[in-house]
Amino acid sequence: MCRVRHITGESRIAPRTSRALRDCGMSRCSRETPTPAGGAPLDGAVRAVVGRTESFRREYLIPIKDINPTRRFPAVTLALIGMNSAVFLYQLTLGPLAHESFLHSYALVPARLLSGGGPADGLFPAGATVMTSLFLHGGFLHVTGNMLYLWIFGNNVEDSMGPARFILFYFLCGTLAAFSHAFTDASSMIPMIGASGAVSGVLGAYLLLFPRARVLTVVPLVFLIRTVEIPAMFVLGFWFLFQFLNALVTSGQGGGIAWYAHLGGFAAGMMLIGIFKRKDVPFWGGRRYRYP
């Protein structure tokens, strides 16, 4: 999982050249003083909390695809993947200081969000960053991990409620996930980026709808790598347990991964799916539902 490097002085987030990015989606340190939008230099330790669902390097269950075909074309799921990918490619075109300014304008900062901060110093309105932060990522593994999980599980959840409802469901889960993270450290000026809060909501919904669906999963066994089909309830149950235990272990340490955004998004998805799914869609993977 991504770990935040505690930086003394200023930082620069440069995704194209950072070893830390390759390891965990974070930036390398720099002694240069970046200037965000508005011209004010960043003071003190500048760190970022990167919300993400999984790390290919540290997880022991890596899903590849589910054996759960859909009947509808997943237009919204693909559009979200395309938008996140496009924003990340745009990030790669920015120079170090421009990229720093970009992130500090559109990332979610708990203290600004909960204080109702406006567009001071050229920054985007705090309330809007709940949405804009969902499209920002700290590195290739970060965006790839989130989009892989969205593709595997999002198409079935979209299928269960239709595209219009899925758009609302996705962003509502992302919003509740953002506030779950913000309330754990209301005074934090550490920016949070990543789609994992919304994606976690998708995982929570999938668990209630298709717990017995088979998920083709990579399971590293010492020097061997095997692919096995595992019921979704075990894959997602392991994922949730991993998030929960890490949230307990790292509580109060500051920085790092937005564990509470993951947990909040997952819980939001489980609570909201009953409202958003079509009435003929059963819980627990029961009878096949009808398609109009």
C-alpha atoms as a PDB file:
ATOM      1  CA  MET A   1       0.000   0.000   0.000  1.00  0.00           C
ATOM      2  CA  CYS A   2       1.085   3.569  -0.461  1.00  0.00           C
ATOM      3  CA  ARG A   3       2.903   5.125   2.435  1.00  0.00           C
ATOM      4  CA  VAL A   4       3.338   8.864   2.858  1.00  0.00           C
ATOM      5  CA  ARG A   5       6.863  10.091   3.254  1.00  0.00           C
ATOM      6  CA  HIS A   6       7.028  12.656   6.052  1.00  0.00           C
ATOM      7  CA  ILE A   7       8.739  15.621   4.477  1.00  0.00           C
ATOM      8  CA  THR A   8      10.733  18.259   6.293  1.00  0.00           C
ATOM      9  CA  GLY A   9      10.430  21.558   4.515  1.00  0.00           C
ATOM     10  CA  GLU A  10       8.767  21.693   1.124  1.00  0.00           C
ATOM     11  CA  SER A  11       7.832  18.966  -1.302  1.00  0.00           C
ATOM     12  CA  ARG A  12       7.336  18.498  -4.970  1.00  0.00           C
ATOM     13  CA  ILE A  13       4.980  15.938  -6.465  1.00  0.00           C
ATOM     14  CA  ALA A  14       6.515  14.784  -9.738  1.00  0.00           C
ATOM     15  CA  PRO A  15       4.897  11.552 -10.941  1.00  0.00           C
ATOM     16  CA  ARG A  16       7.145  11.081 -13.954  1.00  0.00           C
ATOM     17  CA  THR A  17      10.423  10.882 -12.095  1.00  0.00           C
ATOM     18  CA  SER A  18       9.650   9.530  -8.669  1.00  0.00           C
ATOM     19  CA  ARG A  19      10.772   6.183  -7.344  1.00  0.00           C
ATOM     20  CA  ALA A  20       8.288   6.709  -4.532  1.00  0.00           C
ATOM     21  CA  LEU A  21       5.603   6.941  -7.179  1.00  0.00           C
ATOM     22  CA  ARG A  22       6.611   3.562  -8.558  1.00  0.00           C
ATOM     23  CA  ASP A  23       6.533   2.125  -5.059  1.00  0.00           C
ATOM     24  CA  CYS A  24       3.406   3.701  -3.685  1.00  0.00           C
ATOM     25  CA  GLY A  25       2.019   6.512  -5.795  1.00  0.00           C
ATOM     26  CA  MET A  26       3.621   9.336  -3.845  1.00  0.00           C
ATOM     27  CA  SER A  27       6.155  11.996  -4.694  1.00  0.00           C
ATOM     28  CA  ARG A  28       9.834  12.476  -4.119  1.00  0.00           C
ATOM     29  CA  CYS A  29      11.057  15.236  -1.833  1.00  0.00           C
ATOM     30  CA  SER A  30      12.541  18.454  -3.063  1.00  0.00           C
ATOM     31  CA  ARG A  31      14.171  21.380  -1.362  1.00  0.00           C
ATOM     32  CA  GLU A  32      12.716  23.768  -3.904  1.00  0.00           C
ATOM     33  CA  THR A  33       9.853  25.869  -2.643  1.00  0.00           C
ATOM     34  CA  PRO A  34       6.750  25.296  -4.782  1.00  0.00           C
ATOM     35  CA  THR A  35       4.242  28.040  -5.314  1.00  0.00           C
ATOM     36  CA  PRO A  36       0.602  26.998  -5.567  1.00  0.00           C
ATOM     37  CA  ALA A  37      -2.108  28.886  -7.358  1.00  0.00           C
ATOM     38  CA  GLY A  38      -2.302  32.367  -5.900  1.00  0.00           C
ATOM     39  CA  GLY A  39       1.437  32.741  -5.468  1.00  0.00           C
ATOM     40  CA  ALA A  40       1.731  31.850  -1.772  1.00  0.00           C
ATOM     41  CA  PRO A  41       4.584  29.434  -0.982  1.00  0.00           C
ATOM     42  CA  LEU A  42       3.720  26.221   0.797  1.00  0.00           C
ATOM     43  CA  ASP A  43       4.898  26.271   4.403  1.00  0.00           C
ATOM     44  CA  GLY A  44       5.980  23.384   6.620  1.00  0.00           C
ATOM     45  CA  ALA A  45       5.544  19.733   5.772  1.00  0.00           C
ATOM     46  CA  VAL A  46       3.440  19.159   2.706  1.00  0.00           C
ATOM     47  CA  ARG A  47       2.186  15.621   2.413  1.00  0.00           C
ATOM     48  CA  ALA A  48      -0.578  13.893   0.486  1.00  0.00           C
ATOM     49  CA  VAL A  49      -2.938  11.152   1.534  1.00  0.00           C
ATOM     50  CA  VAL A  50      -3.457   8.883  -1.419  1.00  0.00           C
ATOM     51  CA  GLY A  51      -6.747   6.993  -1.343  1.00  0.00           C
ATOM     52  CA  ARG A  52      -6.473   3.665  -3.137  1.00  0.00           C
ATOM     53  CA  THR A  53      -8.010   0.241  -3.088  1.00  0.00           C
ATOM     54  CA  GLU A  54      -5.074  -2.125  -3.440  1.00  0.00           C
ATOM     55  CA  SER A  55      -1.326  -2.263  -3.984  1.00  0.00           C
ATOM     56  CA  PHE A  56      -0.034  -4.865  -6.403  1.00  0.00           C
ATOM     57  CA  ARG A  57       3.124  -5.177  -4.340  1.00  0.00           C
ATOM     58  CA  ARG A  58       1.647  -5.727  -0.905  1.00  0.00           C
ATOM     59  CA  GLU A  59      -1.693  -7.448  -1.357  1.00  0.00           C
ATOM     60  CA  TYR A  60      -1.958 -11.221  -1.319  1.00  0.00           C
ATOM     61  CA  LEU A  61      -5.158 -11.419  -3.355  1.00  0.00           C
ATOM     62  CA  ILE A  62      -5.130  -9.618  -6.694  1.00  0.00           C
ATOM     63  CA  PRO A  63      -8.402  -9.965  -8.639  1.00  0.00           C
ATOM     64  CA  ILE A  64      -8.200 -10.120 -12.422  1.00  0.00           C
ATOM     65  CA  LYS A  65     -11.841 -10.477 -13.445  1.00  0.00           C
ATOM     66  CA  ASP A  66     -15.126 -11.808 -12.178  1.00  0.00           C
ATOM     67  CA  ILE A  67     -17.118 -14.632 -13.714  1.00  0.00           C
ATOM     68  CA  ASN A  68     -20.321 -12.639 -13.675  1.00  0.00           C
ATOM     69  CA  PRO A  69     -21.463 -11.505 -17.140  1.00  0.00           C
ATOM     70  CA  THR A  70     -23.664  -8.474 -17.639  1.00  0.00           C
ATOM     71  CA  ARG A  71     -26.446  -7.828 -20.113  1.00  0.00           C
ATOM     72  CA  ARG A  72     -25.994  -4.074 -20.417  1.00  0.00           C
ATOM     73  CA  PHE A  73     -23.022  -2.250 -21.898  1.00  0.00           C
ATOM     74  CA  PRO A  74     -21.183  -0.587 -18.947  1.00  0.00           C
ATOM     75  CA  ALA A  75     -21.065   2.880 -20.498  1.00  0.00           C
ATOM     76  CA  VAL A  76     -20.675   4.821 -17.233  1.00  0.00           C
ATOM     77  CA  THR A  77     -18.023   2.480 -15.851  1.00  0.00           C
ATOM     78  CA  LEU A  78     -15.967   2.837 -19.024  1.00  0.00           C
ATOM     79  CA  ALA A  79     -16.510   6.604 -19.091  1.00  0.00           C
ATOM     80  CA  LEU A  80     -15.235   6.925 -15.513  1.00  0.00           C
ATOM     81  CA  ILE A  81     -12.184   4.815 -16.339  1.00  0.00           C
ATOM     82  CA  GLY A  82     -11.542   6.962 -19.410  1.00  0.00           C
ATOM     83  CA  MET A  83     -11.888  10.232 -17.480  1.00  0.00           C
ATOM     84  CA  ASN A  84      -9.589   9.113 -14.677  1.00  0.00           C
ATOM     85  CA  SER A  85      -7.014   7.913 -17.198  1.00  0.00           C
ATOM     86  CA  ALA A  86      -7.211  11.159 -19.171  1.00  0.00           C
ATOM     87  CA  VAL A  87      -6.704  13.300 -16.063  1.00  0.00           C
ATOM     88  CA  PHE A  88      -3.724  11.176 -15.038  1.00  0.00           C
ATOM     89  CA  LEU A  89      -2.164  11.530 -18.488  1.00  0.00           C
ATOM     90  CA  TYR A  90      -2.670  15.282 -18.192  1.00  0.00           C
ATOM     91  CA  GLN A  91      -0.891  15.224 -14.832  1.00  0.00           C
ATOM     92  CA  LEU A  92       2.094  13.604 -16.530  1.00  0.00           C
ATOM     93  CA  THR A  93       2.385  16.541 -18.926  1.00  0.00           C
ATOM     94  CA  LEU A  94       2.770  19.071 -16.092  1.00  0.00           C
ATOM     95  CA  GLY A  95       6.079  20.274 -14.775  1.00  0.00           C
ATOM     96  CA  PRO A  96       6.868  19.694 -11.084  1.00  0.00           C
ATOM     97  CA  LEU A  97       5.687  23.082  -9.815  1.00  0.00           C
ATOM     98  CA  ALA A  98       2.654  23.161 -12.102  1.00  0.00           C
ATOM     99  CA  HIS A  99       1.732  19.662 -10.934  1.00  0.00           C
ATOM    100  CA  GLU A 100       2.075  20.698  -7.286  1.00  0.00           C
ATOM    101  CA  SER A 101      -0.159  23.693  -7.893  1.00  0.00           C
ATOM    102  CA  PHE A 102      -2.670  21.528  -9.776  1.00  0.00           C
ATOM    103  CA  LEU A 103      -2.954  19.046  -6.920  1.00  0.00           C
ATOM    104  CA  HIS A 104      -3.273  21.712  -4.248  1.00  0.00           C
ATOM    105  CA  SER A 105      -6.042  23.383  -6.235  1.00  0.00           C
ATOM    106  CA  TYR A 106      -8.156  20.279  -6.830  1.00  0.00           C
ATOM    107  CA  ALA A 107      -7.227  17.832  -4.038  1.00  0.00           C
ATOM    108  CA  LEU A 108      -9.412  17.513  -0.954  1.00  0.00           C
ATOM    109  CA  VAL A 109      -8.013  19.119   2.211  1.00  0.00           C
ATOM    110  CA  PRO A 110     -10.034  18.189   5.348  1.00  0.00           C
ATOM    111  CA  ALA A 111      -9.481  21.496   7.154  1.00  0.00           C
ATOM    112  CA  ARG A 112     -10.626  23.528   4.142  1.00  0.00           C
ATOM    113  CA  LEU A 113     -13.580  21.229   3.485  1.00  0.00           C
ATOM    114  CA  LEU A 114     -14.972  21.281   7.007  1.00  0.00           C
ATOM    115  CA  SER A 115     -14.411  25.005   7.437  1.00  0.00           C
ATOM    116  CA  GLY A 116     -16.329  25.694   4.248  1.00  0.00           C
ATOM    117  CA  GLY A 117     -13.329  27.317   2.596  1.00  0.00           C
ATOM    118  CA  GLY A 118     -13.945  29.230  -0.606  1.00  0.00           C
ATOM    119  CA  PRO A 119     -11.709  29.748  -3.608  1.00  0.00           C
ATOM    120  CA  ALA A 120      -9.083  31.664  -1.615  1.00  0.00           C
ATOM    121  CA  ASP A 121      -5.689  32.204  -3.226  1.00  0.00           C
ATOM    122  CA  GLY A 122      -6.964  30.879  -6.526  1.00  0.00           C
ATOM    123  CA  LEU A 123      -7.856  27.453  -5.110  1.00  0.00           C
ATOM    124  CA  PHE A 124     -10.942  25.560  -6.238  1.00  0.00           C
ATOM    125  CA  PRO A 125     -13.914  25.841  -3.818  1.00  0.00           C
ATOM    126  CA  ALA A 126     -13.478  23.348  -0.990  1.00  0.00           C
ATOM    127  CA  GLY A 127     -16.849  21.696  -1.504  1.00  0.00           C
ATOM    128  CA  ALA A 128     -16.119  21.020  -5.160  1.00  0.00           C
ATOM    129  CA  THR A 129     -12.853  19.247  -4.329  1.00  0.00           C
ATOM    130  CA  VAL A 130     -14.919  16.357  -2.978  1.00  0.00           C
ATOM    131  CA  MET A 131     -15.580  15.589  -6.652  1.00  0.00           C
ATOM    132  CA  THR A 132     -12.397  16.798  -8.324  1.00  0.00           C
ATOM    133  CA  SER A 133     -10.162  14.809  -5.966  1.00  0.00           C
ATOM    134  CA  LEU A 134     -11.809  11.602  -7.203  1.00  0.00           C
ATOM    135  CA  PHE A 135     -10.102  12.054 -10.576  1.00  0.00           C
ATOM    136  CA  LEU A 136      -6.578  12.734  -9.287  1.00  0.00           C
ATOM    137  CA  HIS A 137      -3.987  10.017  -8.734  1.00  0.00           C
ATOM    138  CA  GLY A 138      -0.441   9.916  -7.447  1.00  0.00           C
ATOM    139  CA  GLY A 139       1.107   7.371  -9.788  1.00  0.00           C
ATOM    140  CA  PHE A 140       0.655   4.607 -12.327  1.00  0.00           C
ATOM    141  CA  LEU A 141      -0.001   1.848  -9.766  1.00  0.00           C
ATOM    142  CA  HIS A 142      -2.430   4.108  -7.949  1.00  0.00           C
ATOM    143  CA  VAL A 143      -4.633   4.819 -10.960  1.00  0.00           C
ATOM    144  CA  THR A 144      -4.256   1.306 -12.383  1.00  0.00           C
ATOM    145  CA  GLY A 145      -5.293  -0.358  -9.129  1.00  0.00           C
ATOM    146  CA  ASN A 146      -8.364   1.821  -8.738  1.00  0.00           C
ATOM    147  CA  MET A 147      -9.445   1.414 -12.344  1.00  0.00           C
ATOM    148  CA  LEU A 148      -8.921  -2.355 -12.273  1.00  0.00           C
ATOM    149  CA  TYR A 149     -11.260  -2.693  -9.310  1.00  0.00           C
ATOM    150  CA  LEU A 150     -13.767  -0.329 -10.911  1.00  0.00           C
ATOM    151  CA  TRP A 151     -13.779  -2.385 -14.119  1.00  0.00           C
ATOM    152  CA  ILE A 152     -14.072  -5.764 -12.384  1.00  0.00           C
ATOM    153  CA  PHE A 153     -16.881  -4.847 -10.007  1.00  0.00           C
ATOM    154  CA  GLY A 154     -18.362  -1.644 -11.414  1.00  0.00           C
ATOM    155  CA  ASN A 155     -19.953  -3.084 -14.535  1.00  0.00           C
ATOM    156  CA  ASN A 156     -22.174  -5.452 -12.542  1.00  0.00           C
ATOM    157  CA  VAL A 157     -23.205  -2.765 -10.068  1.00  0.00           C
ATOM    158  CA  GLU A 158     -24.018  -0.414 -12.951  1.00  0.00           C
ATOM    159  CA  ASP A 159     -25.972  -3.263 -14.535  1.00  0.00           C
ATOM    160  CA  SER A 160     -28.051  -3.648 -11.372  1.00  0.00           C
ATOM    161  CA  MET A 161     -29.298  -0.062 -11.304  1.00  0.00           C
ATOM    162  CA  GLY A 162     -28.819   1.499 -14.742  1.00  0.00           C
ATOM    163  CA  PRO A 163     -26.382   4.206 -15.876  1.00  0.00           C
ATOM    164  CA  ALA A 164     -28.134   7.291 -14.480  1.00  0.00           C
ATOM    165  CA  ARG A 165     -28.497   5.880 -10.981  1.00  0.00           C
ATOM    166  CA  PHE A 166     -24.964   4.505 -11.084  1.00  0.00           C
ATOM    167  CA  ILE A 167     -23.514   7.975 -11.708  1.00  0.00           C
ATOM    168  CA  LEU A 168     -25.312   9.331  -8.644  1.00  0.00           C
ATOM    169  CA  PHE A 169     -24.427   6.257  -6.583  1.00  0.00           C
ATOM    170  CA  TYR A 170     -20.724   6.484  -7.473  1.00  0.00           C
ATOM    171  CA  PHE A 171     -20.325  10.151  -6.582  1.00  0.00           C
ATOM    172  CA  LEU A 172     -22.459   9.885  -3.455  1.00  0.00           C
ATOM    173  CA  CYS A 173     -20.239   7.046  -2.199  1.00  0.00           C
ATOM    174  CA  GLY A 174     -17.188   9.161  -3.018  1.00  0.00           C
ATOM    175  CA  THR A 175     -18.644  12.096  -1.096  1.00  0.00           C
ATOM    176  CA  LEU A 176     -19.444  10.057   2.005  1.00  0.00           C
ATOM    177  CA  ALA A 177     -15.994   8.466   1.828  1.00  0.00           C
ATOM    178  CA  ALA A 178     -14.366  11.907   1.686  1.00  0.00           C
ATOM    179  CA  PHE A 179     -16.220  13.097   4.772  1.00  0.00           C
ATOM    180  CA  SER A 180     -15.404   9.830   6.571  1.00  0.00           C
ATOM    181  CA  HIS A 181     -11.742  10.629   6.059  1.00  0.00           C
ATOM    182  CA  ALA A 182     -12.099  14.342   6.842  1.00  0.00           C
ATOM    183  CA  PHE A 183     -13.877  13.785  10.171  1.00  0.00           C
ATOM    184  CA  THR A 184     -11.027  11.573  11.413  1.00  0.00           C
ATOM    185  CA  ASP A 185      -8.673  14.580  11.321  1.00  0.00           C
ATOM    186  CA  ALA A 186     -10.677  17.745  10.887  1.00  0.00           C
ATOM    187  CA  SER A 187      -7.689  20.066  11.248  1.00  0.00           C
ATOM    188  CA  SER A 188      -5.520  18.271   8.701  1.00  0.00           C
ATOM    189  CA  MET A 189      -4.043  20.279   5.841  1.00  0.00           C
ATOM    190  CA  ILE A 190      -2.817  17.102   4.129  1.00  0.00           C
ATOM    191  CA  PRO A 191      -4.467  16.782   0.684  1.00  0.00           C
ATOM    192  CA  MET A 192      -6.253  13.578  -0.271  1.00  0.00           C
ATOM    193  CA  ILE A 193      -6.507  12.309  -3.836  1.00  0.00           C
ATOM    194  CA  GLY A 194      -7.808   9.161  -5.489  1.00  0.00           C
ATOM    195  CA  ALA A 195     -10.984   7.435  -6.653  1.00  0.00           C
ATOM    196  CA  SER A 196     -10.811   4.687  -4.054  1.00  0.00           C
ATOM    197  CA  GLY A 197     -13.550   6.096  -1.820  1.00  0.00           C
ATOM    198  CA  ALA A 198     -16.084   5.858  -4.634  1.00  0.00           C
ATOM    199  CA  VAL A 199     -14.669   2.530  -5.834  1.00  0.00           C
ATOM    200  CA  SER A 200     -14.953   1.189  -2.280  1.00  0.00           C
ATOM    201  CA  GLY A 201     -18.658   1.983  -2.421  1.00  0.00           C
ATOM    202  CA  VAL A 202     -18.905  -0.134  -5.553  1.00  0.00           C
ATOM    203  CA  LEU A 203     -17.199  -3.005  -3.710  1.00  0.00           C
ATOM    204  CA  GLY A 204     -19.638  -2.756  -0.806  1.00  0.00           C
ATOM    205  CA  ALA A 205     -22.605  -2.895  -3.177  1.00  0.00           C
ATOM    206  CA  TYR A 206     -21.136  -5.831  -5.099  1.00  0.00           C
ATOM    207  CA  LEU A 207     -20.661  -7.803  -1.882  1.00  0.00           C
ATOM    208  CA  LEU A 208     -24.375  -7.606  -1.069  1.00  0.00           C
ATOM    209  CA  LEU A 209     -25.533  -8.282  -4.626  1.00  0.00           C
ATOM    210  CA  PHE A 210     -23.155 -11.014  -5.764  1.00  0.00           C
ATOM    211  CA  PRO A 211     -21.397 -12.603  -2.771  1.00  0.00           C
ATOM    212  CA  ARG A 212     -21.147 -15.985  -4.491  1.00  0.00           C
ATOM    213  CA  ALA A 213     -19.857 -14.696  -7.837  1.00  0.00           C
ATOM    214  CA  ARG A 214     -16.513 -16.241  -8.734  1.00  0.00           C
ATOM    215  CA  VAL A 215     -13.551 -13.889  -9.008  1.00  0.00           C
ATOM    216  CA  LEU A 216     -10.440 -14.994 -10.882  1.00  0.00           C
ATOM    217  CA  THR A 217      -7.682 -14.023  -8.468  1.00  0.00           C
ATOM    218  CA  VAL A 218      -3.895 -14.073  -8.487  1.00  0.00           C
ATOM    219  CA  VAL A 219      -2.581 -15.654  -5.284  1.00  0.00           C
ATOM    220  CA  PRO A 220       1.207 -15.399  -4.812  1.00  0.00           C
ATOM    221  CA  LEU A 221       2.526 -18.443  -2.917  1.00  0.00           C
ATOM    222  CA  VAL A 222       6.178 -17.819  -2.038  1.00  0.00           C
ATOM    223  CA  PHE A 223       7.892 -18.472  -5.389  1.00  0.00           C
ATOM    224  CA  LEU A 224       4.727 -19.610  -7.160  1.00  0.00           C
ATOM    225  CA  ILE A 225       1.909 -17.494  -8.561  1.00  0.00           C
ATOM    226  CA  ARG A 226      -1.429 -19.207  -9.037  1.00  0.00           C
ATOM    227  CA  THR A 227      -4.724 -17.992 -10.410  1.00  0.00           C
ATOM    228  CA  VAL A 228      -7.792 -19.402  -8.689  1.00  0.00           C
ATOM    229  CA  GLU A 229     -11.493 -18.656  -8.680  1.00  0.00           C
ATOM    230  CA  ILE A 230     -12.579 -17.379  -5.267  1.00  0.00           C
ATOM    231  CA  PRO A 231     -16.097 -16.327  -4.205  1.00  0.00           C
ATOM    232  CA  ALA A 232     -16.473 -12.558  -4.095  1.00  0.00           C
ATOM    233  CA  MET A 233     -17.464 -12.693  -0.422  1.00  0.00           C
ATOM    234  CA  PHE A 234     -13.953 -13.911   0.452  1.00  0.00           C
ATOM    235  CA  VAL A 235     -12.093 -11.546  -1.891  1.00  0.00           C
ATOM    236  CA  LEU A 236     -13.998  -8.494  -0.705  1.00  0.00           C
ATOM    237  CA  GLY A 237     -14.138  -9.709   2.880  1.00  0.00           C
ATOM    238  CA  PHE A 238     -10.354  -9.984   2.897  1.00  0.00           C
ATOM    239  CA  TRP A 239     -10.110  -6.533   1.342  1.00  0.00           C
ATOM    240  CA  PHE A 240     -12.352  -5.008   4.014  1.00  0.00           C
ATOM    241  CA  LEU A 241     -10.500  -6.758   6.857  1.00  0.00           C
ATOM    242  CA  PHE A 242      -7.199  -5.476   5.463  1.00  0.00           C
ATOM    243  CA  GLN A 243      -8.514  -1.890   5.429  1.00  0.00           C
ATOM    244  CA  PHE A 244     -10.018  -2.174   8.913  1.00  0.00           C
ATOM    245  CA  LEU A 245      -6.915  -3.592  10.575  1.00  0.00           C
ATOM    246  CA  ASN A 246      -4.669  -1.007   8.953  1.00  0.00           C
ATOM    247  CA  ALA A 247      -7.013   1.782  10.034  1.00  0.00           C
ATOM    248  CA  LEU A 248      -6.691   0.567  13.631  1.00  0.00           C
ATOM    249  CA  VAL A 249      -2.932   0.153  13.483  1.00  0.00           C
ATOM    250  CA  THR A 250      -2.212   3.512  11.861  1.00  0.00           C
ATOM    251  CA  SER A 251      -4.874   5.536  13.695  1.00  0.00           C
ATOM    252  CA  GLY A 252      -3.528   8.866  14.919  1.00  0.00           C
ATOM    253  CA  GLN A 253      -0.231   8.615  13.057  1.00  0.00           C
ATOM    254  CA  GLY A 254      -1.221  11.126  10.372  1.00  0.00           C
ATOM    255  CA  GLY A 255      -0.485  10.874   6.678  1.00  0.00           C
ATOM    256  CA  GLY A 256      -0.391   7.569   4.845  1.00  0.00           C
ATOM    257  CA  ILE A 257      -3.349   5.919   3.170  1.00  0.00           C
ATOM    258  CA  ALA A 258      -6.883   7.198   3.588  1.00  0.00           C
ATOM    259  CA  TRP A 259      -8.085   4.022   5.289  1.00  0.00           C
ATOM    260  CA  TYR A 260     -11.211   5.648   6.680  1.00  0.00           C
ATOM    261  CA  ALA A 261     -12.189   6.850   3.217  1.00  0.00           C
ATOM    262  CA  HIS A 262     -12.066   3.213   2.083  1.00  0.00           C
ATOM    263  CA  LEU A 263     -14.112   2.026   5.049  1.00  0.00           C
ATOM    264  CA  GLY A 264     -16.584   4.898   4.767  1.00  0.00           C
ATOM    265  CA  GLY A 265     -17.056   4.358   1.043  1.00  0.00           C
ATOM    266  CA  PHE A 266     -17.540   0.610   1.527  1.00  0.00           C
ATOM    267  CA  ALA A 267     -20.146   1.167   4.233  1.00  0.00           C
ATOM    268  CA  ALA A 268     -21.881   3.795   2.087  1.00  0.00           C
ATOM    269  CA  GLY A 269     -22.134   1.372  -0.808  1.00  0.00           C
ATOM    270  CA  MET A 270     -23.686  -1.303   1.405  1.00  0.00           C
ATOM    271  CA  MET A 271     -26.218   1.157   2.831  1.00  0.00           C
ATOM    272  CA  LEU A 272     -27.167   2.781  -0.464  1.00  0.00           C
ATOM    273  CA  ILE A 273     -27.417  -0.221  -2.776  1.00  0.00           C
ATOM    274  CA  GLY A 274     -30.895  -1.110  -1.496  1.00  0.00           C
ATOM    275  CA  ILE A 275     -32.103   2.341  -2.543  1.00  0.00           C
ATOM    276  CA  PHE A 276     -30.399   2.464  -5.940  1.00  0.00           C
ATOM    277  CA  LYS A 277     -30.767  -1.066  -7.292  1.00  0.00           C
ATOM    278  CA  ARG A 278     -33.801  -1.959  -9.369  1.00  0.00           C
ATOM    279  CA  LYS A 279     -36.577  -3.704  -7.470  1.00  0.00           C
ATOM    280  CA  ASP A 280     -36.202  -6.897  -9.478  1.00  0.00           C
ATOM    281  CA  VAL A 281     -32.519  -7.195  -8.574  1.00  0.00           C
ATOM    282  CA  PRO A 282     -32.155  -9.538  -5.572  1.00  0.00           C
ATOM    283  CA  PHE A 283     -29.649  -9.399  -2.768  1.00  0.00           C
ATOM    284  CA  TRP A 284     -27.209 -12.261  -2.215  1.00  0.00           C
ATOM    285  CA  GLY A 285     -27.042 -13.360  -5.854  1.00  0.00           C
ATOM    286  CA  GLY A 286     -30.424 -15.063  -5.940  1.00  0.00           C
ATOM    287  CA  ARG A 287     -32.649 -15.403  -8.980  1.00  0.00           C
ATOM    288  CA  ARG A 288     -31.732 -13.766 -12.257  1.00  0.00           C
ATOM    289  CA  TYR A 289     -33.354 -10.418 -12.615  1.00  0.00           C
ATOM    290  CA  ARG A 290     -35.230  -9.224 -15.649  1.00  0.00           C
ATOM    291  CA  TYR A 291     -33.939  -6.730 -18.204  1.00  0.00           C
ATOM    292  CA  PRO A 292     -36.383  -4.308 -19.784  1.00  0.00           C
END
